[in-house]
Amino acid sequence: MVVLNKIYTRTGDKGDTALGNGERVAKHSSRVEAYGTSDELNCFVGVARLDAKGETDAALSRIQNDLFDLGADLCRPDMEKDLQAEYPPLRLVTAQVERLEQEIDVMNADLEPLRSFILPGGTALAAHLHVCRTVARRAERLTVLLAEQENINTVTVKYLNRLSDWFFVAARASNNGGKDDVLWVPGANR
């Protein structure tokens, strides 16, 4: 269990921070950028939930929890050493990716196929979900960059890739089943 009884520690005042294994790294390191962006995404999901109801809100709640799992995963380097740790670190698992795929399939089943790219917007919820989609893509790019530099759990990249797809389909579903999607009209303002 996490106990936070003191919020400021002054340990990061020189521009470094502690990872989950105690190692200190620069606050601008690829690892911190990756899990920091997943935390930013989690905040945007919280904003989207202000307009979400029912199953969409429940799904976004699950995603928020998964994003904390993702951050916990990314903040623990040295996966081989962690296998011998007294308390093994939390790692994302394939079942979390598969759940997103199943939810995407259910939402997408009732949507008409796209015949044009769509612009972010429509309902407030759809607009928020499009912001989540783009931040998820940035988190994915940063996690891929980290994977080029260090050994990571590859499920994190798969999860972020599927998550951005989930946000796209959920945004369409939130636009009256795609009927209120805002279509891109190429060259409309020439």
Protein backbone atom coordinates (compact mmCIF):
# COMPACT_ATOMS: atom_id res chain seq x y z
CA MET A 1 0.00 0.00 0.00
CA VAL A 2 1.15 3.51 -0.77
CA VAL A 3 1.33 5.98 2.12
CA LEU A 4 1.83 9.64 1.26
CA ASN A 5 2.03 11.63 4.44
CA LYS A 6 4.42 14.27 3.13
CA ILE A 7 3.89 15.64 -0.35
CA TYR A 8 7.08 17.61 -0.88
CA THR A 9 10.45 16.00 -0.21
CA ARG A 10 12.91 18.44 -1.85
CA THR A 11 14.75 15.41 -3.30
CA GLY A 12 14.01 16.51 -6.87
CA ASP A 13 15.14 20.11 -6.49
CA LYS A 14 18.24 19.49 -8.60
CA GLY A 15 16.34 18.12 -11.58
CA ASP A 16 16.36 14.41 -10.90
CA THR A 17 13.76 11.98 -9.61
CA ALA A 18 13.60 8.47 -8.18
CA LEU A 19 12.31 5.58 -10.25
CA GLY A 20 10.33 2.73 -8.73
CA ASN A 21 13.51 0.79 -7.99
CA GLY A 22 15.14 3.75 -6.19
CA GLU A 23 17.48 4.66 -9.05
CA ARG A 24 17.71 8.41 -9.66
CA VAL A 25 17.44 9.79 -13.19
CA ALA A 26 17.03 13.19 -14.82
CA LYS A 27 13.44 14.43 -14.85
CA HIS A 28 13.73 14.79 -18.62
CA SER A 29 14.85 11.18 -19.18
CA SER A 30 12.97 9.12 -21.76
CA ARG A 31 11.54 6.92 -19.03
CA VAL A 32 10.16 9.84 -17.03
CA GLU A 33 8.81 11.46 -20.22
CA ALA A 34 6.98 8.23 -21.09
CA TYR A 35 5.32 7.61 -17.74
CA GLY A 36 4.78 11.33 -17.18
CA THR A 37 2.82 11.53 -20.41
CA SER A 38 0.72 8.53 -19.38
CA ASP A 39 -0.06 10.48 -16.18
CA GLU A 40 -1.02 13.51 -18.29
CA LEU A 41 -3.28 11.25 -20.34
CA ASN A 42 -4.90 9.99 -17.15
CA CYS A 43 -5.77 13.58 -16.24
CA PHE A 44 -7.43 14.14 -19.62
CA VAL A 45 -9.39 10.91 -19.15
CA GLY A 46 -10.60 12.36 -15.84
CA VAL A 47 -11.83 15.45 -17.71
CA ALA A 48 -13.59 13.26 -20.29
CA ARG A 49 -15.36 11.42 -17.49
CA LEU A 50 -17.14 14.66 -16.55
CA ASP A 51 -19.30 14.15 -19.66
CA ALA A 52 -19.38 10.32 -19.67
CA LYS A 53 -22.26 8.20 -18.43
CA GLY A 54 -23.00 4.53 -17.90
CA GLU A 55 -20.72 1.99 -19.57
CA THR A 56 -18.52 4.69 -21.14
CA ASP A 57 -17.78 6.12 -17.71
CA ALA A 58 -17.12 2.63 -16.32
CA ALA A 59 -14.74 1.88 -19.19
CA LEU A 60 -12.91 5.19 -18.67
CA SER A 61 -12.59 4.34 -14.97
CA ARG A 62 -10.95 1.01 -15.91
CA ILE A 63 -8.65 2.86 -18.32
CA GLN A 64 -7.60 5.30 -15.59
CA ASN A 65 -6.63 2.39 -13.37
CA ASP A 66 -4.76 0.75 -16.27
CA LEU A 67 -2.87 4.00 -16.86
CA PHE A 68 -1.64 3.93 -13.26
CA ASP A 69 -0.56 0.32 -13.87
CA LEU A 70 1.23 1.52 -17.01
CA GLY A 71 3.04 4.25 -15.08
CA ALA A 72 4.04 1.76 -12.39
CA ASP A 73 5.35 -0.57 -15.10
CA LEU A 74 7.36 2.12 -16.89
CA CYS A 75 8.89 3.52 -13.69
CA ARG A 76 10.56 0.16 -12.92
CA PRO A 77 13.57 -0.55 -15.14
CA ASP A 78 15.73 -3.69 -15.01
CA MET A 79 13.05 -6.23 -15.75
CA GLU A 80 15.48 -9.13 -15.34
CA LYS A 81 16.54 -8.02 -11.85
CA ASP A 82 12.90 -7.51 -10.89
CA LEU A 83 12.22 -11.22 -11.35
CA GLN A 84 14.22 -11.81 -8.18
CA ALA A 85 12.75 -8.83 -6.28
CA GLU A 86 11.07 -9.47 -2.96
CA TYR A 87 7.99 -7.66 -4.26
CA PRO A 88 7.75 -8.15 -8.04
CA PRO A 89 6.79 -4.97 -9.88
CA LEU A 90 3.40 -4.44 -11.42
CA ARG A 91 3.49 -5.11 -15.18
CA LEU A 92 0.78 -4.65 -17.79
CA VAL A 93 -0.48 -7.94 -19.19
CA THR A 94 -1.90 -8.97 -22.55
CA ALA A 95 -5.39 -9.38 -21.06
CA GLN A 96 -5.56 -5.59 -20.61
CA VAL A 97 -4.86 -5.10 -24.32
CA GLU A 98 -7.39 -7.79 -25.24
CA ARG A 99 -10.07 -6.10 -23.12
CA LEU A 100 -9.56 -2.87 -25.10
CA GLU A 101 -9.86 -4.81 -28.36
CA GLN A 102 -13.11 -6.42 -27.24
CA GLU A 103 -14.54 -3.06 -26.19
CA ILE A 104 -13.49 -1.50 -29.51
CA ASP A 105 -15.22 -4.31 -31.42
CA VAL A 106 -18.45 -3.82 -29.43
CA MET A 107 -18.48 -0.03 -29.93
CA ASN A 108 -17.50 -0.26 -33.59
CA ALA A 109 -20.19 -2.83 -34.46
CA ASP A 110 -22.93 -0.18 -34.53
CA LEU A 111 -20.93 2.50 -36.38
CA GLU A 112 -21.16 3.12 -40.10
CA PRO A 113 -17.81 2.69 -41.89
CA LEU A 114 -15.92 5.94 -42.36
CA ARG A 115 -15.84 7.37 -45.86
CA SER A 116 -13.92 10.49 -44.84
CA PHE A 117 -11.52 11.51 -42.14
CA ILE A 118 -13.27 13.19 -39.24
CA LEU A 119 -12.38 16.35 -37.39
CA PRO A 120 -12.08 16.26 -33.60
CA GLY A 121 -15.35 17.51 -32.18
CA GLY A 122 -19.07 16.94 -32.10
CA THR A 123 -20.22 16.41 -28.55
CA ALA A 124 -18.17 17.61 -25.58
CA LEU A 125 -17.37 13.99 -24.69
CA ALA A 126 -16.21 13.21 -28.23
CA ALA A 127 -13.96 16.28 -28.23
CA HIS A 128 -12.42 15.23 -24.90
CA LEU A 129 -11.90 11.69 -26.18
CA HIS A 130 -10.09 13.03 -29.24
CA VAL A 131 -7.72 14.93 -26.93
CA CYS A 132 -7.17 11.65 -25.05
CA ARG A 133 -6.47 9.91 -28.38
CA THR A 134 -3.74 12.37 -29.34
CA VAL A 135 -2.10 12.31 -25.90
CA ALA A 136 -2.21 8.49 -26.00
CA ARG A 137 -0.38 8.60 -29.35
CA ARG A 138 2.28 10.89 -27.84
CA ALA A 139 2.65 8.55 -24.86
CA GLU A 140 3.03 5.68 -27.33
CA ARG A 141 5.72 7.52 -29.33
CA LEU A 142 7.65 8.30 -26.14
CA THR A 143 7.35 4.70 -24.95
CA VAL A 144 8.61 3.43 -28.32
CA LEU A 145 11.56 5.82 -28.01
CA LEU A 146 12.25 4.47 -24.52
CA ALA A 147 12.09 0.91 -25.89
CA GLU A 148 14.82 1.81 -28.38
CA GLN A 149 17.04 2.90 -25.48
CA GLU A 150 16.17 0.46 -22.70
CA ASN A 151 14.48 -2.87 -22.09
CA ILE A 152 10.77 -2.40 -21.32
CA ASN A 153 7.64 -4.49 -21.11
CA THR A 154 6.47 -4.56 -24.75
CA VAL A 155 2.85 -4.86 -23.64
CA THR A 156 3.01 -1.16 -22.70
CA VAL A 157 3.43 -0.16 -26.35
CA LYS A 158 0.61 -2.48 -27.46
CA TYR A 159 -1.67 -1.12 -24.77
CA LEU A 160 -1.07 2.51 -25.74
CA ASN A 161 -1.55 1.69 -29.43
CA ARG A 162 -4.87 -0.01 -28.77
CA LEU A 163 -5.90 2.70 -26.30
CA SER A 164 -5.65 5.45 -28.90
CA ASP A 165 -7.84 3.33 -31.18
CA TRP A 166 -10.29 2.87 -28.29
CA PHE A 167 -10.53 6.64 -27.82
CA PHE A 168 -11.15 7.15 -31.55
CA VAL A 169 -13.99 4.64 -31.68
CA ALA A 170 -15.43 5.85 -28.37
CA ALA A 171 -15.42 9.43 -29.71
CA ARG A 172 -17.38 8.30 -32.77
CA ALA A 173 -19.81 6.35 -30.58
CA SER A 174 -20.24 9.48 -28.42
CA ASN A 175 -21.21 11.44 -31.53
CA ASN A 176 -24.64 9.86 -31.77
CA GLY A 177 -23.21 6.60 -33.05
CA GLY A 178 -21.06 8.46 -35.58
CA LYS A 179 -24.03 10.32 -37.10
CA ASP A 180 -22.77 13.63 -35.67
CA ASP A 181 -19.11 13.14 -36.62
CA VAL A 182 -17.62 16.28 -38.11
CA LEU A 183 -16.31 15.30 -41.54
CA TRP A 184 -13.15 16.71 -43.05
CA VAL A 185 -13.74 18.40 -46.39
CA PRO A 186 -10.36 18.52 -48.16
CA GLY A 187 -9.56 21.97 -49.52
CA ALA A 188 -12.89 23.42 -48.34
CA ASN A 189 -11.42 26.82 -47.54
CA ARG A 190 -9.15 27.40 -50.53
